[in-house]
Amino acid sequence: MSNFNLHGLSVSNGIAIGKAYLLSDALVEVEHYSISKKDITKEVKRLKLAINQVNKDLNKIKKDFFKINHAEFEGLINTHLMMLKDRSFNDDVLKIIKTKKCNAEWAVKVQLDKIITRFDQINDSYIKERKLDVIQVAERITKALLGRSNHLYVKQLDNNSILIGHDISPADALIFKHNHYEGFITEIGGTNSHTAILARSLNIPSIVSIPLARALIKNDDVVIVDGDSGTAIINPTDQILKEYESKKNLWNLEQKKLSKIKNFKNKTLDGNRIFLMANIEELQDLKTVKENKADGIGLFRTEFLFMNRIKLPDENEQFENYRSIVQSMRGKEIIIRTLDSGADKMTVADTKKSSNPALGLRAIRLCLSEPRIFLTQLRAILRASAFGKVKILIPMISSIDELKQTKLLIERAKQSLTKEKIRYDKKIEVGGMVEVPAVAINANFFAKELDFLSIGTNDLIQYTLAIDRTDDSVSHLYNSIHPSVLKLMAETIKAGKKYNKQVAVCGEMAGDPKLTRLLLGMGVENFSMHPSSILHVKKQILSTNISKLKGLINKIMNTNEPEVIETLILKINQKSNE
């Protein structure tokens, strides 16, 4: 067996060692064969049995979801279940079997090709993204027809495995949590894809964007996934294997050590108090929040309550949901972001299509265009504020007019509750997301008019650099330490200090330990991140002396070369802070 290295994008740190398990592309391997007229009934029955089997498989995964508690992925499974019941797809496949007198697998492939062609002609990024869902459902049906399992965990339960695939569906990725798969490698994908984010949240070492990985790696090859460097080592020598086993043991030891700092105060070596908040999507996420001793909820994504349903959640449903979280946090701060729908997070509230959803009617723009929906949510949030420390966060605000309209609607919601003698926090704070460069440039105004600011780094980077972070063809240009991004963040932080307003950083940057000292040096005192990242960031905070970073931070802010910034950040992280 030959020894070689492959390089891709690291999306989740750590070391994984195991045997390669190649995920086949069933649709590519489908053979065409003709059937007789008398066998048509038999072939139709095969198709229906396969669809029923996939339905059972998906519902089993959905059950497993409740153990993992991840709303986004339950939504994806529900989407796949709905597609299975799509009469037009099923009827068209049946028609192909009958008219072409062909096997069911081929009929599925023919119909899928037709659908993909139609998708590719639609100039709507959200609709195009649904193409992947259709492909994944068709692949599941095909696998069932071929007699293959749709469950990743059936192979080698007693051995650790590294999954090698063209892409891995988020629904399948759910299985990682409860089985022996150590990591994965995919041929496509970016650092900000759904699967990449899931890998980070579950601490699964993973690498994406290794073209031809399935052609170069064979089943049962020994594979090392170096999630730190983005390197995959295939059939390593005994010496290299021994070296990485040692690295893996050290990594595991570091994870255990992290638990020992849970109860430490979040203070730097020079005594600065730092707040570590958690981002959540639903009530079940609070278990991880409490385990990692978060200071509160810095971002509650309410849009997940609106996803994968036919009817909008009414005021009482929303209120009960918000109140449960507020009460569960027992007096800790809860920042509830209003509906951030649109772009890659479509909900039942999205009724209008946009040629470019990321720049279209989304977030606060959608809410202001649908005041009834917005007022219902505002009333629910205000009612929940009577039970704990709640703040309102407005997403994707970009103009003074939007801010004025939002404040008017908040006042209208307050007045209606007052009239009905329903309790709420009359002094509830209202903040805004800094995701659009226009807000960062005019940060002084927004810091003056709002009670707090939260820098949404994912979208701020995307909009500043004009890069779709989910597009594989340009994702390599997505750069969190681009000088323009850092300058916009610095202006926002400066404005917050001028008006004595809290400025938090949320998004992937907040949860990246490699950037913790950079953010501390820039003046960030409030971080909001996935709960699983809190202890990693906390470790950096506890070993940092902010006063000793000033020189390097000044150099970073005065350069326009990303490569130089990268080198200086390495120096910051290597520098002794004692």
Protein backbone atom coordinates (compact mmCIF):
# COMPACT_ATOMS: atom_id res chain seq x y z
CA MET A 1 0.00 0.00 0.00
CA SER A 2 1.41 3.32 -1.04
CA ASN A 3 1.82 6.16 1.42
CA PHE A 4 0.75 9.67 0.38
CA ASN A 5 -0.74 12.92 1.68
CA LEU A 6 -3.78 14.88 0.52
CA HIS A 7 -4.56 18.48 1.39
CA GLY A 8 -7.88 20.27 1.81
CA LEU A 9 -9.68 22.72 4.07
CA SER A 10 -9.71 22.04 7.78
CA VAL A 11 -13.20 22.56 9.19
CA SER A 12 -12.84 20.93 12.60
CA ASN A 13 -9.68 20.51 14.68
CA GLY A 14 -8.28 17.37 16.25
CA ILE A 15 -6.74 14.10 15.13
CA ALA A 16 -8.71 11.11 13.83
CA ILE A 17 -7.17 7.73 12.92
CA GLY A 18 -9.11 4.90 11.34
CA LYS A 19 -9.89 2.83 8.28
CA ALA A 20 -11.38 4.42 5.20
CA TYR A 21 -15.02 3.77 4.48
CA LEU A 22 -15.95 5.03 1.02
CA LEU A 23 -19.48 6.29 0.59
CA SER A 24 -20.61 5.23 -2.86
CA ASP A 25 -22.60 7.39 -5.21
CA ALA A 26 -25.41 5.02 -5.97
CA LEU A 27 -26.81 7.23 -8.72
CA VAL A 28 -23.61 7.07 -10.73
CA GLU A 29 -23.49 3.25 -10.46
CA VAL A 30 -27.03 2.62 -11.69
CA GLU A 31 -27.31 0.27 -14.65
CA HIS A 32 -30.07 0.40 -17.25
CA TYR A 33 -31.90 -2.73 -18.31
CA SER A 34 -35.19 -3.40 -20.08
CA ILE A 35 -38.08 -5.28 -18.52
CA SER A 36 -40.98 -7.13 -20.08
CA LYS A 37 -44.55 -5.87 -19.92
CA LYS A 38 -45.47 -8.53 -17.36
CA ASP A 39 -42.63 -7.36 -15.03
CA ILE A 40 -43.85 -3.76 -14.87
CA THR A 41 -46.09 -4.49 -11.86
CA LYS A 42 -43.18 -6.16 -10.08
CA GLU A 43 -40.91 -3.15 -10.75
CA VAL A 44 -43.55 -0.69 -9.54
CA LYS A 45 -43.87 -2.71 -6.34
CA ARG A 46 -40.07 -2.60 -5.88
CA LEU A 47 -40.15 1.18 -6.14
CA LYS A 48 -42.97 1.54 -3.61
CA LEU A 49 -41.22 -0.81 -1.15
CA ALA A 50 -37.99 1.20 -1.53
CA ILE A 51 -39.80 4.48 -0.83
CA ASN A 52 -41.42 2.94 2.26
CA GLN A 53 -38.01 1.71 3.45
CA VAL A 54 -36.45 5.17 3.05
CA ASN A 55 -39.39 6.66 4.93
CA LYS A 56 -38.69 4.25 7.84
CA ASP A 57 -34.95 5.04 7.72
CA LEU A 58 -35.52 8.79 7.85
CA ASN A 59 -37.98 8.51 10.70
CA LYS A 60 -35.43 6.46 12.63
CA ILE A 61 -32.83 9.18 12.09
CA LYS A 62 -35.44 11.71 13.19
CA LYS A 63 -35.84 9.72 16.44
CA ASP A 64 -32.07 9.87 16.89
CA PHE A 65 -32.33 13.63 16.46
CA PHE A 66 -34.12 13.90 19.78
CA LYS A 67 -31.01 12.48 21.46
CA ILE A 68 -28.82 15.06 19.73
CA ASN A 69 -31.20 18.01 19.95
CA HIS A 70 -30.28 19.93 16.82
CA ALA A 71 -33.22 21.81 15.29
CA GLU A 72 -31.60 22.63 11.99
CA PHE A 73 -31.09 18.98 11.13
CA GLU A 74 -34.50 17.84 12.20
CA GLY A 75 -35.72 20.41 9.69
CA LEU A 76 -33.60 18.89 6.93
CA ILE A 77 -34.93 15.41 7.68
CA ASN A 78 -38.50 16.75 7.58
CA THR A 79 -37.74 18.29 4.19
CA HIS A 80 -36.57 14.89 2.89
CA LEU A 81 -39.68 13.19 4.30
CA MET A 82 -41.90 15.71 2.50
CA MET A 83 -40.04 15.07 -0.77
CA LEU A 84 -40.72 11.34 -0.42
CA LYS A 85 -44.44 12.11 -0.42
CA ASP A 86 -44.20 14.31 -3.52
CA ARG A 87 -46.80 12.83 -5.87
CA SER A 88 -45.40 14.51 -8.96
CA PHE A 89 -41.95 12.93 -8.49
CA ASN A 90 -43.33 9.47 -7.65
CA ASP A 91 -45.91 9.54 -10.48
CA ASP A 92 -43.31 10.63 -13.03
CA VAL A 93 -40.96 7.80 -12.01
CA LEU A 94 -43.81 5.29 -12.27
CA LYS A 95 -44.67 6.67 -15.72
CA ILE A 96 -41.05 6.19 -16.88
CA ILE A 97 -41.08 2.56 -15.67
CA LYS A 98 -44.31 1.87 -17.58
CA THR A 99 -43.56 3.75 -20.81
CA LYS A 100 -39.82 3.02 -21.11
CA LYS A 101 -40.14 -0.52 -19.70
CA CYS A 102 -37.01 -0.01 -17.62
CA ASN A 103 -35.81 -0.88 -14.12
CA ALA A 104 -36.88 1.35 -11.23
CA GLU A 105 -33.30 2.51 -10.44
CA TRP A 106 -32.90 3.85 -13.96
CA ALA A 107 -36.32 5.51 -13.86
CA VAL A 108 -35.32 7.36 -10.67
CA LYS A 109 -32.09 8.51 -12.33
CA VAL A 110 -33.88 9.70 -15.51
CA GLN A 111 -36.42 11.70 -13.52
CA LEU A 112 -33.72 13.16 -11.28
CA ASP A 113 -31.73 14.33 -14.32
CA LYS A 114 -34.84 16.14 -15.58
CA ILE A 115 -35.35 17.86 -12.21
CA ILE A 116 -31.67 18.87 -11.96
CA THR A 117 -31.85 20.43 -15.44
CA ARG A 118 -34.86 22.49 -14.34
CA PHE A 119 -33.10 23.54 -11.12
CA ASP A 120 -30.04 24.71 -13.05
CA GLN A 121 -32.21 27.00 -15.14
CA ILE A 122 -33.59 28.82 -12.08
CA ASN A 123 -31.73 31.94 -11.03
CA ASP A 124 -32.48 31.66 -7.32
CA SER A 125 -29.72 30.53 -4.99
CA TYR A 126 -32.11 29.15 -2.37
CA ILE A 127 -34.03 27.08 -4.96
CA LYS A 128 -30.76 25.82 -6.38
CA GLU A 129 -29.68 24.72 -2.90
CA ARG A 130 -32.78 22.52 -2.72
CA LYS A 131 -31.29 20.54 -5.63
CA LEU A 132 -28.99 18.82 -3.13
CA ASP A 133 -31.98 17.72 -1.05
CA VAL A 134 -33.60 16.14 -4.12
CA ILE A 135 -30.35 14.36 -5.03
CA GLN A 136 -29.98 13.00 -1.50
CA VAL A 137 -33.55 11.67 -1.43
CA ALA A 138 -33.13 10.07 -4.88
CA GLU A 139 -29.87 8.48 -3.74
CA ARG A 140 -31.59 7.00 -0.69
CA ILE A 141 -34.34 5.49 -2.87
CA THR A 142 -31.73 4.09 -5.27
CA LYS A 143 -29.73 2.53 -2.45
CA ALA A 144 -32.87 0.89 -1.12
CA LEU A 145 -33.62 -0.49 -4.60
CA LEU A 146 -30.08 -1.85 -4.88
CA GLY A 147 -30.40 -3.51 -1.48
CA ARG A 148 -27.84 -1.29 0.19
CA SER A 149 -28.24 0.23 3.60
CA ASN A 150 -28.89 3.92 3.99
CA HIS A 151 -27.43 3.79 7.47
CA LEU A 152 -23.80 4.66 7.88
CA TYR A 153 -23.39 2.74 11.10
CA VAL A 154 -23.90 -0.81 9.77
CA LYS A 155 -20.24 -1.31 8.85
CA GLN A 156 -17.54 -2.20 11.33
CA LEU A 157 -19.17 -1.09 14.52
CA ASP A 158 -16.17 -2.39 16.44
CA ASN A 159 -13.67 -0.30 14.48
CA ASN A 160 -13.13 3.39 14.11
CA SER A 161 -13.77 4.54 10.56
CA ILE A 162 -13.10 7.63 8.48
CA LEU A 163 -15.93 8.39 6.07
CA ILE A 164 -14.81 9.38 2.57
CA GLY A 165 -17.53 10.91 0.41
CA HIS A 166 -18.21 13.35 -2.37
CA ASP A 167 -20.41 15.14 0.13
CA ILE A 168 -22.13 14.00 3.32
CA SER A 169 -25.71 14.95 3.99
CA PRO A 170 -26.37 16.63 7.34
CA ALA A 171 -29.01 13.98 8.04
CA ASP A 172 -26.38 11.24 7.77
CA ALA A 173 -23.91 13.31 9.77
CA LEU A 174 -26.28 13.08 12.75
CA ILE A 175 -25.30 9.44 13.13
CA PHE A 176 -21.72 10.42 14.01
CA LYS A 177 -22.75 11.28 17.52
CA HIS A 178 -23.70 7.75 18.51
CA ASN A 179 -21.36 5.57 16.47
CA HIS A 180 -17.75 4.78 15.81
CA TYR A 181 -16.97 7.17 12.99
CA GLU A 182 -13.99 9.23 13.94
CA GLY A 183 -13.96 11.85 11.20
CA PHE A 184 -14.72 12.51 7.58
CA ILE A 185 -13.21 13.73 4.34
CA THR A 186 -15.28 15.15 1.48
CA GLU A 187 -14.41 16.12 -2.09
CA ILE A 188 -16.39 19.34 -2.00
CA GLY A 189 -17.53 21.82 0.65
CA GLY A 190 -16.42 25.00 2.36
CA THR A 191 -15.48 26.03 5.86
CA ASN A 192 -18.93 27.50 6.48
CA SER A 193 -21.18 24.76 5.12
CA HIS A 194 -23.87 23.22 7.35
CA THR A 195 -21.90 19.99 7.62
CA ALA A 196 -18.68 21.84 8.54
CA ILE A 197 -20.46 23.73 11.29
CA LEU A 198 -21.96 20.47 12.58
CA ALA A 199 -18.51 18.85 12.61
CA ARG A 200 -17.17 21.68 14.76
CA SER A 201 -20.10 21.51 17.16
CA LEU A 202 -19.59 17.75 17.62
CA ASN A 203 -15.77 18.03 17.77
CA ILE A 204 -15.28 15.62 14.86
CA PRO A 205 -11.93 16.13 13.06
CA SER A 206 -12.83 16.80 9.45
CA ILE A 207 -11.42 17.98 6.13
CA VAL A 208 -13.39 19.15 3.09
CA SER A 209 -12.50 20.11 -0.47
CA ILE A 210 -10.14 17.25 -1.36
CA PRO A 211 -10.99 16.59 -5.03
CA LEU A 212 -10.86 12.94 -6.20
CA ALA A 213 -10.55 11.70 -2.61
CA ARG A 214 -12.71 8.66 -3.41
CA ALA A 215 -10.60 7.83 -6.47
CA LEU A 216 -7.32 8.01 -4.55
CA ILE A 217 -8.37 6.43 -1.24
CA LYS A 218 -9.43 2.76 -1.12
CA ASN A 219 -11.72 1.02 1.35
CA ASP A 220 -9.86 -0.07 4.49
CA ASP A 221 -6.87 2.17 3.80
CA VAL A 222 -5.49 3.51 7.08
CA VAL A 223 -6.25 7.24 7.17
CA ILE A 224 -5.07 9.98 9.50
CA VAL A 225 -7.22 13.13 9.50
CA ASP A 226 -5.19 16.06 10.79
CA GLY A 227 -7.96 18.54 11.46
CA ASP A 228 -5.44 21.18 12.55
CA SER A 229 -3.53 21.41 9.27
CA GLY A 230 -6.14 20.12 6.81
CA THR A 231 -3.90 17.19 5.86
CA ALA A 232 -5.03 13.60 5.25
CA ILE A 233 -2.28 10.98 5.49
CA ILE A 234 -3.06 7.75 3.65
CA ASN A 235 -1.41 4.49 4.75
CA PRO A 236 1.13 6.19 7.00
CA THR A 237 4.43 4.54 7.91
CA ASP A 238 4.68 2.97 11.36
CA GLN A 239 6.74 5.93 12.53
CA ILE A 240 4.19 8.51 11.30
CA LEU A 241 1.32 6.47 12.72
CA LYS A 242 3.03 6.30 16.11
CA GLU A 243 3.65 10.06 16.02
CA TYR A 244 0.00 10.81 15.28
CA GLU A 245 -1.28 8.36 17.87
CA SER A 246 0.76 10.34 20.37
CA LYS A 247 -0.72 13.60 19.03
CA LYS A 248 -4.22 12.16 19.30
CA ASN A 249 -3.64 11.10 22.90
CA LEU A 250 -2.38 14.58 23.72
CA TRP A 251 -5.45 16.10 22.02
CA ASN A 252 -7.79 13.87 24.04
CA LEU A 253 -5.90 14.78 27.20
CA GLU A 254 -6.31 18.47 26.39
CA GLN A 255 -10.06 17.99 26.02
CA LYS A 256 -10.21 16.42 29.50
CA LYS A 257 -8.10 19.23 30.94
CA LEU A 258 -10.56 21.79 29.60
CA SER A 259 -13.27 20.49 31.92
CA LYS A 260 -11.11 21.55 34.88
CA ILE A 261 -11.45 25.25 34.00
CA LYS A 262 -15.26 25.23 33.83
CA ASN A 263 -15.67 26.95 37.17
CA PHE A 264 -12.84 29.45 36.73
CA LYS A 265 -13.86 33.09 36.34
CA ASN A 266 -13.48 34.39 32.80
CA LYS A 267 -10.62 36.76 33.54
CA THR A 268 -7.43 37.60 31.68
CA LEU A 269 -4.06 37.58 33.46
CA ASP A 270 -4.30 41.36 33.86
CA GLY A 271 -7.74 41.13 35.45
CA ASN A 272 -10.14 41.95 32.61
CA ARG A 273 -13.57 40.30 33.01
CA ILE A 274 -14.70 38.67 29.78
CA PHE A 275 -18.21 37.39 29.12
CA LEU A 276 -18.63 34.09 27.27
CA MET A 277 -22.15 33.69 25.93
CA ALA A 278 -23.76 30.87 23.96
CA ASN A 279 -25.62 30.77 20.65
CA ILE A 280 -28.69 28.51 20.69
CA GLU A 281 -31.55 27.46 18.44
CA GLU A 282 -33.93 25.72 20.82
CA LEU A 283 -34.62 24.75 24.42
CA GLN A 284 -32.72 21.45 24.19
CA ASP A 285 -29.46 23.31 23.48
CA LEU A 286 -29.44 24.56 27.07
CA LYS A 287 -27.97 21.30 28.34
CA THR A 288 -24.65 22.03 26.56
CA VAL A 289 -24.88 25.69 27.57
CA LYS A 290 -25.05 24.79 31.25
CA GLU A 291 -22.39 22.07 30.98
CA ASN A 292 -19.92 24.63 29.65
CA LYS A 293 -20.89 27.32 32.20
CA ALA A 294 -21.88 30.02 29.72
CA ASP A 295 -22.53 33.48 31.16
CA GLY A 296 -25.84 33.63 29.33
CA ILE A 297 -27.41 33.40 25.87
CA GLY A 298 -25.80 35.87 23.50
CA LEU A 299 -27.85 34.82 20.49
CA PHE A 300 -31.13 32.94 20.45
CA ARG A 301 -31.94 32.20 16.79
CA THR A 302 -35.73 32.41 16.77
CA GLU A 303 -36.05 31.61 13.04
CA PHE A 304 -35.75 27.89 13.81
CA LEU A 305 -39.16 28.08 15.45
CA PHE A 306 -40.56 29.20 12.08
CA MET A 307 -38.92 26.52 9.93
CA ASN A 308 -40.43 23.40 8.38
CA ARG A 309 -44.04 24.10 9.13
CA ILE A 310 -47.14 25.13 7.24
CA LYS A 311 -48.50 27.69 9.71
CA LEU A 312 -46.72 30.51 11.47
CA PRO A 313 -46.22 29.99 15.23
CA ASP A 314 -48.78 32.10 17.07
CA GLU A 315 -48.00 34.49 19.91
CA ASN A 316 -48.63 31.97 22.69
CA GLU A 317 -46.46 29.29 21.13
CA GLN A 318 -43.61 31.75 20.75
CA PHE A 319 -44.12 33.13 24.25
CA GLU A 320 -44.05 29.66 25.84
CA ASN A 321 -40.87 28.85 23.93
CA TYR A 322 -39.09 32.06 24.95
CA ARG A 323 -40.30 31.91 28.56
CA SER A 324 -39.05 28.31 28.97
CA ILE A 325 -35.56 29.36 27.93
CA VAL A 326 -35.61 32.49 30.09
CA GLN A 327 -36.73 30.56 33.16
CA SER A 328 -34.26 27.77 32.54
CA MET A 329 -31.36 30.26 32.54
CA ARG A 330 -32.35 31.46 36.04
CA GLY A 331 -31.61 35.15 35.84
CA LYS A 332 -28.79 35.06 33.32
CA GLU A 333 -28.95 37.37 30.32
CA ILE A 334 -30.90 36.16 27.27
CA ILE A 335 -30.53 38.01 23.97
CA ILE A 336 -33.38 37.05 21.64
CA ARG A 337 -32.81 37.84 17.98
CA THR A 338 -35.95 38.62 16.05
CA LEU A 339 -36.81 36.58 12.97
CA ASP A 340 -33.70 36.32 10.76
CA SER A 341 -35.40 34.65 7.86
CA GLY A 342 -34.31 34.59 4.23
CA ALA A 343 -31.14 33.66 2.32
CA ASP A 344 -30.12 30.18 3.56
CA LYS A 345 -32.74 30.09 6.33
CA MET A 346 -36.09 30.02 4.61
CA THR A 347 -39.18 29.82 6.79
CA VAL A 348 -42.93 29.81 6.47
CA ALA A 349 -42.73 33.63 6.69
CA ASP A 350 -40.88 33.80 3.35
CA THR A 351 -43.57 34.19 0.73
CA LYS A 352 -41.69 36.17 -1.90
CA LYS A 353 -38.88 34.84 -4.07
CA SER A 354 -35.74 36.85 -4.66
CA SER A 355 -33.16 36.50 -7.43
CA ASN A 356 -30.49 37.01 -4.77
CA PRO A 357 -31.88 36.03 -1.35
CA ALA A 358 -28.77 37.14 0.59
CA LEU A 359 -29.39 40.69 -0.66
CA GLY A 360 -33.16 40.55 -0.82
CA LEU A 361 -36.14 40.62 1.53
CA ARG A 362 -34.66 39.00 4.62
CA ALA A 363 -34.25 39.56 8.36
CA ILE A 364 -35.50 42.98 9.55
CA ARG A 365 -36.49 43.91 5.99
CA LEU A 366 -38.90 41.00 5.90
CA CYS A 367 -40.23 41.81 9.37
CA LEU A 368 -40.90 45.44 8.49
CA SER A 369 -42.69 44.37 5.32
CA GLU A 370 -44.83 41.99 7.41
CA PRO A 371 -45.67 44.08 10.52
CA ARG A 372 -48.33 41.61 11.69
CA ILE A 373 -45.76 38.80 11.92
CA PHE A 374 -43.24 41.13 13.54
CA LEU A 375 -45.65 42.53 16.13
CA THR A 376 -46.71 39.02 17.12
CA GLN A 377 -43.09 38.08 17.79
CA LEU A 378 -42.32 41.33 19.61
CA ARG A 379 -45.30 40.83 21.92
CA ALA A 380 -44.15 37.27 22.68
CA ILE A 381 -40.60 38.42 23.47
CA LEU A 382 -41.84 41.28 25.64
CA ARG A 383 -44.11 38.95 27.59
CA ALA A 384 -41.15 36.60 28.20
CA SER A 385 -39.10 39.55 29.50
CA ALA A 386 -41.29 39.58 32.63
CA PHE A 387 -39.63 36.31 33.68
CA GLY A 388 -35.95 37.20 33.42
CA LYS A 389 -33.26 39.41 31.90
CA VAL A 390 -34.22 39.60 28.22
CA LYS A 391 -32.83 41.79 25.46
CA ILE A 392 -34.07 42.22 21.87
CA LEU A 393 -31.59 41.94 18.99
CA ILE A 394 -32.44 43.21 15.49
CA PRO A 395 -30.75 41.33 12.60
CA MET A 396 -29.28 42.87 9.43
CA ILE A 397 -30.26 46.42 10.19
CA SER A 398 -28.72 48.76 7.61
CA SER A 399 -30.34 52.19 7.77
CA ILE A 400 -31.66 54.89 10.07
CA ASP A 401 -35.17 54.49 8.63
CA GLU A 402 -35.20 50.77 9.48
CA LEU A 403 -34.15 51.57 13.03
CA LYS A 404 -36.89 54.20 13.41
CA GLN A 405 -39.56 51.85 12.06
CA THR A 406 -38.38 49.04 14.32
CA LYS A 407 -38.52 51.23 17.41
CA LEU A 408 -42.03 52.38 16.50
CA LEU A 409 -43.25 48.79 16.21
CA ILE A 410 -41.62 47.87 19.54
CA GLU A 411 -43.44 50.80 21.14
CA ARG A 412 -46.69 49.71 19.53
CA ALA A 413 -46.21 46.20 20.94
CA LYS A 414 -45.54 47.67 24.40
CA GLN A 415 -48.63 49.86 24.26
CA SER A 416 -50.86 46.94 23.30
CA LEU A 417 -49.55 44.88 26.23
CA THR A 418 -49.98 47.81 28.61
CA LYS A 419 -53.56 48.24 27.47
CA GLU A 420 -54.20 44.53 28.09
CA LYS A 421 -52.44 44.77 31.49
CA ILE A 422 -49.90 42.12 30.53
CA ARG A 423 -46.53 42.33 32.31
CA TYR A 424 -43.25 43.00 30.50
CA ASP A 425 -39.92 44.68 31.17
CA LYS A 426 -40.58 48.32 30.35
CA LYS A 427 -36.85 49.05 30.25
CA ILE A 428 -35.99 46.16 27.93
CA GLU A 429 -32.83 46.86 25.94
CA VAL A 430 -32.79 46.83 22.15
CA GLY A 431 -29.63 46.11 20.18
CA GLY A 432 -28.65 45.69 16.56
CA MET A 433 -26.57 43.22 14.58
CA VAL A 434 -23.59 44.74 12.78
CA GLU A 435 -23.63 42.59 9.65
CA VAL A 436 -23.79 45.21 6.92
CA PRO A 437 -20.75 47.45 6.25
CA ALA A 438 -23.06 50.49 6.18
CA VAL A 439 -23.73 50.04 9.91
CA ALA A 440 -20.06 49.59 10.82
CA ILE A 441 -19.11 52.71 8.83
CA ASN A 442 -21.82 54.66 10.65
CA ALA A 443 -21.22 52.88 13.97
CA ASN A 444 -21.27 56.08 16.02
CA PHE A 445 -24.90 56.75 15.15
CA PHE A 446 -26.05 53.18 15.80
CA ALA A 447 -24.08 52.93 19.05
CA LYS A 448 -25.75 56.15 20.22
CA GLU A 449 -29.28 55.07 19.24
CA LEU A 450 -29.16 51.43 20.36
CA ASP A 451 -28.54 49.89 23.78
CA PHE A 452 -25.93 47.40 22.54
CA LEU A 453 -24.35 46.05 19.35
CA SER A 454 -23.49 42.53 18.23
CA ILE A 455 -21.05 42.01 15.37
CA GLY A 456 -22.27 39.14 13.18
CA THR A 457 -18.94 38.20 11.65
CA ASN A 458 -20.22 35.58 9.16
CA ASP A 459 -22.38 38.03 7.22
CA LEU A 460 -20.13 41.04 7.80
CA ILE A 461 -17.27 39.20 6.07
CA GLN A 462 -19.58 38.01 3.31
CA TYR A 463 -20.98 41.46 2.57
CA THR A 464 -17.67 43.29 2.96
CA LEU A 465 -15.80 41.00 0.57
CA ALA A 466 -18.77 40.32 -1.78
CA ILE A 467 -18.28 36.57 -1.37
CA ASP A 468 -20.98 33.94 -1.00
CA ARG A 469 -19.57 31.91 1.89
CA THR A 470 -21.51 28.79 0.80
CA ASP A 471 -20.22 28.88 -2.80
CA ASP A 472 -17.33 26.41 -3.17
CA SER A 473 -15.92 28.27 -6.17
CA VAL A 474 -15.18 31.42 -4.13
CA SER A 475 -15.16 30.16 -0.53
CA HIS A 476 -11.35 30.24 -0.48
CA LEU A 477 -11.59 34.04 -0.73
CA TYR A 478 -13.67 34.22 2.45
CA ASN A 479 -11.20 35.70 4.95
CA SER A 480 -12.10 36.58 8.53
CA ILE A 481 -8.85 38.52 9.06
CA HIS A 482 -9.07 40.63 5.93
CA PRO A 483 -7.87 44.14 6.88
CA SER A 484 -11.15 45.72 5.72
CA VAL A 485 -13.15 43.39 7.95
CA LEU A 486 -10.93 44.08 10.96
CA LYS A 487 -11.14 47.86 10.40
CA LEU A 488 -14.95 47.73 10.32
CA MET A 489 -14.96 45.70 13.52
CA ALA A 490 -12.53 48.12 15.16
CA GLU A 491 -14.72 51.11 14.27
CA THR A 492 -17.73 49.37 15.82
CA ILE A 493 -15.84 48.51 19.03
CA LYS A 494 -14.53 52.09 19.24
CA ALA A 495 -18.05 53.50 18.87
CA GLY A 496 -19.32 51.18 21.60
CA LYS A 497 -16.66 52.40 24.03
CA LYS A 498 -17.36 56.03 23.13
CA TYR A 499 -21.02 55.69 24.12
CA ASN A 500 -20.42 53.11 26.86
CA LYS A 501 -22.41 50.46 24.99
CA GLN A 502 -21.73 46.73 25.02
CA VAL A 503 -20.29 45.36 21.75
CA ALA A 504 -20.32 41.59 21.39
CA VAL A 505 -18.82 39.42 18.66
CA CYS A 506 -20.87 36.45 17.52
CA GLY A 507 -20.41 34.14 14.57
CA GLU A 508 -17.57 31.76 13.77
CA MET A 509 -14.84 34.26 14.71
CA ALA A 510 -16.04 34.40 18.31
CA GLY A 511 -15.63 30.64 18.73
CA ASP A 512 -12.23 30.35 17.06
CA PRO A 513 -9.50 30.09 19.77
CA LYS A 514 -6.87 31.13 17.21
CA LEU A 515 -8.56 34.53 17.02
CA THR A 516 -9.36 35.00 20.72
CA ARG A 517 -6.28 37.04 21.56
CA LEU A 518 -6.73 39.17 18.45
CA LEU A 519 -10.29 40.03 19.50
CA LEU A 520 -9.24 40.66 23.10
CA GLY A 521 -6.51 43.01 21.90
CA MET A 522 -9.08 44.85 19.75
CA GLY A 523 -11.16 45.49 22.87
CA VAL A 524 -13.80 42.75 22.67
CA GLU A 525 -15.16 41.87 26.12
CA ASN A 526 -18.22 39.86 25.10
CA PHE A 527 -18.05 36.71 22.96
CA SER A 528 -21.03 34.68 21.78
CA MET A 529 -20.45 31.23 20.22
CA HIS A 530 -21.56 27.63 19.92
CA PRO A 531 -21.60 26.20 23.48
CA SER A 532 -19.00 23.52 22.59
CA SER A 533 -16.43 26.25 21.80
CA ILE A 534 -16.69 28.07 25.14
CA LEU A 535 -13.99 26.18 27.05
CA HIS A 536 -11.52 26.38 24.16
CA VAL A 537 -11.91 30.15 24.06
CA LYS A 538 -11.87 30.36 27.85
CA LYS A 539 -8.48 28.64 27.95
CA GLN A 540 -7.05 31.38 25.74
CA ILE A 541 -8.59 34.11 27.87
CA LEU A 542 -7.13 32.73 31.09
CA SER A 543 -3.61 32.77 29.60
CA THR A 544 -3.77 36.23 28.00
CA ASN A 545 -2.36 39.54 29.23
CA ILE A 546 -4.15 42.09 27.07
CA SER A 547 -1.77 44.93 27.94
CA LYS A 548 1.11 42.99 26.35
CA LEU A 549 -0.71 42.66 23.02
CA LYS A 550 -0.97 46.36 22.16
CA GLY A 551 2.17 46.56 20.02
CA LEU A 552 1.24 43.63 17.78
CA ILE A 553 -2.41 44.71 17.60
CA ASN A 554 -1.36 48.18 16.40
CA LYS A 555 0.78 46.56 13.70
CA ILE A 556 -2.18 44.43 12.59
CA MET A 557 -4.52 47.40 12.36
CA ASN A 558 -1.95 49.42 10.39
CA THR A 559 -1.30 46.87 7.67
CA ASN A 560 -3.29 46.15 4.52
CA GLU A 561 -1.72 42.77 3.76
CA PRO A 562 -3.67 39.69 4.94
CA GLU A 563 -0.50 37.56 4.85
CA VAL A 564 1.24 39.95 7.26
CA ILE A 565 -1.81 39.91 9.54
CA GLU A 566 -1.76 36.11 9.56
CA THR A 567 1.92 36.11 10.59
CA LEU A 568 1.29 38.65 13.35
CA ILE A 569 -1.63 36.60 14.71
CA LEU A 570 0.67 33.59 14.92
CA LYS A 571 3.08 35.75 16.95
CA ILE A 572 0.24 36.84 19.24
CA ASN A 573 -0.66 33.22 19.92
CA GLN A 574 2.96 32.17 20.44
CA LYS A 575 3.80 35.13 22.66
CA SER A 576 4.20 34.51 26.38
CA ASN A 577 1.54 36.47 28.18
CA GLU A 578 2.69 35.95 31.71
